[in-house]
């Protein structure tokens, strides 16, 4: 389980320099991150640590993630907040 301080840092790190990523990652972090399993939270932290270009490619499906855990989180982000819709 992630601490509240680490969660707030994660929310901050979910704000990227690219609006397209902000629209997907910010709402996912704020609305869904805390309900993830500890394992999926760790995968999401690794996803957020990647370069913007890689994250964007993963989310758009143009660059498949090599890591199965990150691929799982990419699918979750697209399912939950794809097209800017928080579900």
N, C-alpha and C. Protein backbone atom coordinates (compact mmCIF):
# COMPACT_ATOMS: atom_id res chain seq x y z
N UNK A 1 0.84 -1.18 0.00
CA UNK A 1 0.00 0.00 0.00
C UNK A 1 0.89 1.24 0.00
N UNK A 2 0.58 2.17 -0.83
CA UNK A 2 1.38 3.38 -0.98
C UNK A 2 0.96 4.42 0.08
N UNK A 3 1.94 5.15 0.59
CA UNK A 3 1.63 6.17 1.59
C UNK A 3 0.93 7.36 0.93
N UNK A 4 0.30 8.17 1.73
CA UNK A 4 -0.40 9.35 1.20
C UNK A 4 0.58 10.33 0.56
N UNK A 5 1.76 10.48 1.15
CA UNK A 5 2.78 11.37 0.59
C UNK A 5 3.23 10.85 -0.79
N UNK A 6 3.46 9.54 -0.88
CA UNK A 6 3.87 8.96 -2.16
C UNK A 6 2.74 9.05 -3.18
N UNK A 7 1.50 8.91 -2.72
CA UNK A 7 0.36 9.06 -3.63
C UNK A 7 0.32 10.47 -4.20
N UNK A 8 0.52 11.47 -3.35
CA UNK A 8 0.50 12.86 -3.83
C UNK A 8 1.63 13.10 -4.83
N UNK A 9 2.79 12.50 -4.59
CA UNK A 9 3.89 12.61 -5.55
C UNK A 9 3.50 11.96 -6.88
N UNK A 10 2.84 10.82 -6.79
CA UNK A 10 2.41 10.12 -8.00
C UNK A 10 1.42 10.95 -8.79
N UNK A 11 0.49 11.60 -8.09
CA UNK A 11 -0.47 12.50 -8.77
C UNK A 11 0.31 13.59 -9.49
N UNK A 12 1.30 14.14 -8.82
CA UNK A 12 2.11 15.20 -9.43
C UNK A 12 2.86 14.66 -10.65
N UNK A 13 3.46 13.48 -10.54
CA UNK A 13 4.22 12.90 -11.65
C UNK A 13 3.31 12.45 -12.80
N UNK A 14 2.03 12.28 -12.52
CA UNK A 14 1.08 11.93 -13.58
C UNK A 14 0.79 13.12 -14.47
N UNK A 15 1.13 14.30 -14.01
CA UNK A 15 1.01 15.50 -14.84
C UNK A 15 2.26 15.59 -15.69
N UNK A 16 2.11 15.31 -16.94
CA UNK A 16 3.24 15.25 -17.84
C UNK A 16 3.37 16.56 -18.60
N UNK A 17 4.32 16.64 -19.49
CA UNK A 17 4.47 17.83 -20.31
C UNK A 17 3.66 17.74 -21.59
N UNK A 18 2.79 16.78 -21.67
CA UNK A 18 2.03 16.51 -22.89
C UNK A 18 0.55 16.41 -22.52
N UNK A 19 -0.26 17.31 -23.05
CA UNK A 19 -1.68 17.36 -22.71
C UNK A 19 -2.38 16.03 -22.90
N UNK A 20 -2.07 15.32 -23.97
CA UNK A 20 -2.71 14.04 -24.25
C UNK A 20 -2.49 13.04 -23.11
N UNK A 21 -1.30 13.05 -22.53
CA UNK A 21 -1.02 12.17 -21.40
C UNK A 21 -1.70 12.66 -20.13
N UNK A 22 -1.71 13.97 -19.93
CA UNK A 22 -2.37 14.53 -18.75
C UNK A 22 -3.84 14.13 -18.70
N UNK A 23 -4.49 14.14 -19.84
CA UNK A 23 -5.91 13.83 -19.93
C UNK A 23 -6.18 12.37 -19.55
N UNK A 24 -5.23 11.49 -19.80
CA UNK A 24 -5.41 10.08 -19.48
C UNK A 24 -4.87 9.71 -18.10
N UNK A 25 -3.65 10.13 -17.82
CA UNK A 25 -2.99 9.68 -16.59
C UNK A 25 -3.51 10.37 -15.33
N UNK A 26 -3.80 11.67 -15.43
CA UNK A 26 -4.29 12.39 -14.26
C UNK A 26 -5.58 11.80 -13.72
N UNK A 27 -6.63 11.67 -14.53
CA UNK A 27 -7.88 11.09 -14.04
C UNK A 27 -7.72 9.64 -13.57
N UNK A 28 -6.89 8.86 -14.27
CA UNK A 28 -6.70 7.47 -13.84
C UNK A 28 -6.09 7.44 -12.45
N UNK A 29 -5.06 8.25 -12.24
CA UNK A 29 -4.40 8.27 -10.94
C UNK A 29 -5.37 8.71 -9.85
N UNK A 30 -6.10 9.77 -10.11
CA UNK A 30 -6.99 10.32 -9.09
C UNK A 30 -8.21 9.45 -8.81
N UNK A 31 -8.73 8.75 -9.81
CA UNK A 31 -9.98 8.01 -9.64
C UNK A 31 -9.81 6.50 -9.48
N UNK A 32 -8.67 5.95 -9.89
CA UNK A 32 -8.55 4.50 -9.92
C UNK A 32 -7.32 3.93 -9.21
N UNK A 33 -6.27 4.72 -9.05
CA UNK A 33 -5.01 4.18 -8.54
C UNK A 33 -5.17 3.51 -7.18
N UNK A 34 -5.85 4.15 -6.26
CA UNK A 34 -5.95 3.61 -4.90
C UNK A 34 -6.70 2.28 -4.83
N UNK A 35 -7.52 1.99 -5.82
CA UNK A 35 -8.26 0.72 -5.82
C UNK A 35 -7.47 -0.42 -6.47
N UNK A 36 -6.29 -0.13 -7.01
CA UNK A 36 -5.46 -1.17 -7.62
C UNK A 36 -4.81 -2.04 -6.55
N UNK A 37 -4.50 -3.27 -6.91
CA UNK A 37 -3.74 -4.14 -6.01
C UNK A 37 -2.35 -3.55 -5.82
N UNK A 38 -1.66 -3.99 -4.79
CA UNK A 38 -0.29 -3.51 -4.55
C UNK A 38 0.60 -3.78 -5.76
N UNK A 39 0.42 -4.95 -6.37
CA UNK A 39 1.22 -5.31 -7.54
C UNK A 39 0.94 -4.36 -8.71
N UNK A 40 -0.34 -4.08 -8.96
CA UNK A 40 -0.68 -3.17 -10.05
C UNK A 40 -0.25 -1.74 -9.75
N UNK A 41 -0.29 -1.34 -8.49
CA UNK A 41 0.22 -0.02 -8.13
C UNK A 41 1.70 0.07 -8.46
N UNK A 42 2.45 -0.99 -8.19
CA UNK A 42 3.89 -0.99 -8.51
C UNK A 42 4.10 -0.92 -10.02
N UNK A 43 3.27 -1.62 -10.79
CA UNK A 43 3.38 -1.54 -12.25
C UNK A 43 3.08 -0.11 -12.72
N UNK A 44 2.08 0.52 -12.13
CA UNK A 44 1.73 1.89 -12.54
C UNK A 44 2.86 2.86 -12.22
N UNK A 45 3.50 2.69 -11.08
CA UNK A 45 4.63 3.55 -10.72
C UNK A 45 5.74 3.40 -11.76
N UNK A 46 5.97 2.18 -12.23
CA UNK A 46 6.98 1.96 -13.28
C UNK A 46 6.53 2.58 -14.60
N UNK A 47 5.24 2.49 -14.91
CA UNK A 47 4.72 3.12 -16.13
C UNK A 47 4.98 4.62 -16.09
N UNK A 48 4.65 5.25 -14.98
CA UNK A 48 4.82 6.70 -14.83
C UNK A 48 6.30 7.11 -14.93
N UNK A 49 7.20 6.21 -14.58
CA UNK A 49 8.63 6.53 -14.62
C UNK A 49 9.19 6.52 -16.05
N UNK A 50 8.44 6.01 -17.00
CA UNK A 50 8.91 5.92 -18.38
C UNK A 50 8.89 7.28 -19.07
N UNK A 51 9.52 7.34 -20.21
CA UNK A 51 9.54 8.56 -21.01
C UNK A 51 8.17 8.83 -21.62
N UNK A 52 7.83 10.10 -21.79
CA UNK A 52 6.53 10.48 -22.36
C UNK A 52 6.27 9.81 -23.71
N UNK A 53 7.27 9.79 -24.57
CA UNK A 53 7.09 9.21 -25.90
C UNK A 53 6.73 7.73 -25.82
N UNK A 54 7.36 7.02 -24.89
CA UNK A 54 7.05 5.60 -24.71
C UNK A 54 5.63 5.42 -24.18
N UNK A 55 5.28 6.19 -23.16
CA UNK A 55 3.94 6.09 -22.58
C UNK A 55 2.89 6.39 -23.64
N UNK A 56 3.10 7.43 -24.43
CA UNK A 56 2.15 7.79 -25.47
C UNK A 56 2.03 6.66 -26.51
N UNK A 57 3.14 6.10 -26.91
CA UNK A 57 3.11 4.98 -27.85
C UNK A 57 2.36 3.78 -27.29
N UNK A 58 2.59 3.48 -26.02
CA UNK A 58 1.88 2.37 -25.37
C UNK A 58 0.38 2.62 -25.35
N UNK A 59 0.00 3.82 -24.93
CA UNK A 59 -1.42 4.14 -24.80
C UNK A 59 -2.12 4.19 -26.15
N UNK A 60 -1.41 4.57 -27.20
CA UNK A 60 -2.00 4.63 -28.53
C UNK A 60 -1.93 3.30 -29.27
N UNK A 61 -1.18 2.36 -28.71
CA UNK A 61 -1.08 1.04 -29.33
C UNK A 61 -0.07 0.97 -30.46
N UNK A 62 0.73 2.00 -30.61
CA UNK A 62 1.75 1.99 -31.67
C UNK A 62 3.07 1.40 -31.20
N UNK A 63 3.24 1.25 -29.90
CA UNK A 63 4.46 0.70 -29.32
C UNK A 63 4.05 -0.27 -28.20
N UNK A 64 4.05 -1.56 -28.45
CA UNK A 64 3.63 -2.49 -27.41
C UNK A 64 4.67 -2.55 -26.27
N UNK A 65 4.22 -2.45 -25.02
CA UNK A 65 5.16 -2.55 -23.90
C UNK A 65 5.77 -3.95 -23.84
N UNK A 66 7.03 -4.03 -23.55
CA UNK A 66 7.69 -5.33 -23.40
C UNK A 66 7.37 -5.94 -22.04
N UNK A 67 7.07 -5.12 -21.06
CA UNK A 67 6.77 -5.57 -19.71
C UNK A 67 5.27 -5.89 -19.59
N UNK A 68 4.95 -7.11 -19.21
CA UNK A 68 3.55 -7.54 -19.11
C UNK A 68 2.77 -6.74 -18.07
N UNK A 69 3.42 -6.35 -16.99
CA UNK A 69 2.75 -5.55 -15.96
C UNK A 69 2.38 -4.17 -16.47
N UNK A 70 3.28 -3.56 -17.20
CA UNK A 70 2.99 -2.24 -17.78
C UNK A 70 1.90 -2.39 -18.85
N UNK A 71 1.96 -3.45 -19.64
CA UNK A 71 0.92 -3.68 -20.65
C UNK A 71 -0.45 -3.80 -19.99
N UNK A 72 -0.51 -4.47 -18.85
CA UNK A 72 -1.77 -4.60 -18.11
C UNK A 72 -2.29 -3.23 -17.68
N UNK A 73 -1.40 -2.38 -17.17
CA UNK A 73 -1.82 -1.05 -16.72
C UNK A 73 -2.22 -0.16 -17.88
N UNK A 74 -1.53 -0.28 -19.00
CA UNK A 74 -1.89 0.49 -20.20
C UNK A 74 -3.32 0.13 -20.60
N UNK A 75 -3.64 -1.16 -20.60
CA UNK A 75 -5.00 -1.59 -20.94
C UNK A 75 -6.01 -1.02 -19.95
N UNK A 76 -5.66 -0.99 -18.67
CA UNK A 76 -6.57 -0.44 -17.65
C UNK A 76 -6.80 1.05 -17.88
N UNK A 77 -5.73 1.78 -18.14
CA UNK A 77 -5.86 3.22 -18.37
C UNK A 77 -6.77 3.46 -19.57
N UNK A 78 -6.54 2.74 -20.64
CA UNK A 78 -7.37 2.92 -21.83
C UNK A 78 -8.82 2.53 -21.58
N UNK A 79 -9.03 1.50 -20.80
CA UNK A 79 -10.39 1.07 -20.49
C UNK A 79 -11.12 2.08 -19.60
N UNK A 80 -10.43 2.58 -18.60
CA UNK A 80 -11.06 3.44 -17.60
C UNK A 80 -11.19 4.90 -18.04
N UNK A 81 -10.21 5.42 -18.76
CA UNK A 81 -10.24 6.84 -19.10
C UNK A 81 -9.94 7.10 -20.57
N UNK A 82 -9.99 6.09 -21.40
CA UNK A 82 -9.77 6.27 -22.83
C UNK A 82 -10.75 7.30 -23.39
N UNK A 83 -10.31 8.08 -24.33
CA UNK A 83 -11.11 9.14 -24.96
C UNK A 83 -11.58 10.18 -23.96
N UNK A 84 -10.84 10.31 -22.83
CA UNK A 84 -11.16 11.35 -21.85
C UNK A 84 -12.38 11.07 -20.99
N UNK A 85 -12.90 9.84 -21.03
CA UNK A 85 -14.09 9.52 -20.24
C UNK A 85 -13.67 8.77 -18.98
N UNK A 86 -13.91 9.36 -17.83
CA UNK A 86 -13.64 8.67 -16.56
C UNK A 86 -14.79 7.75 -16.29
N UNK A 87 -14.49 6.47 -16.11
CA UNK A 87 -15.53 5.46 -15.87
C UNK A 87 -15.43 4.92 -14.48
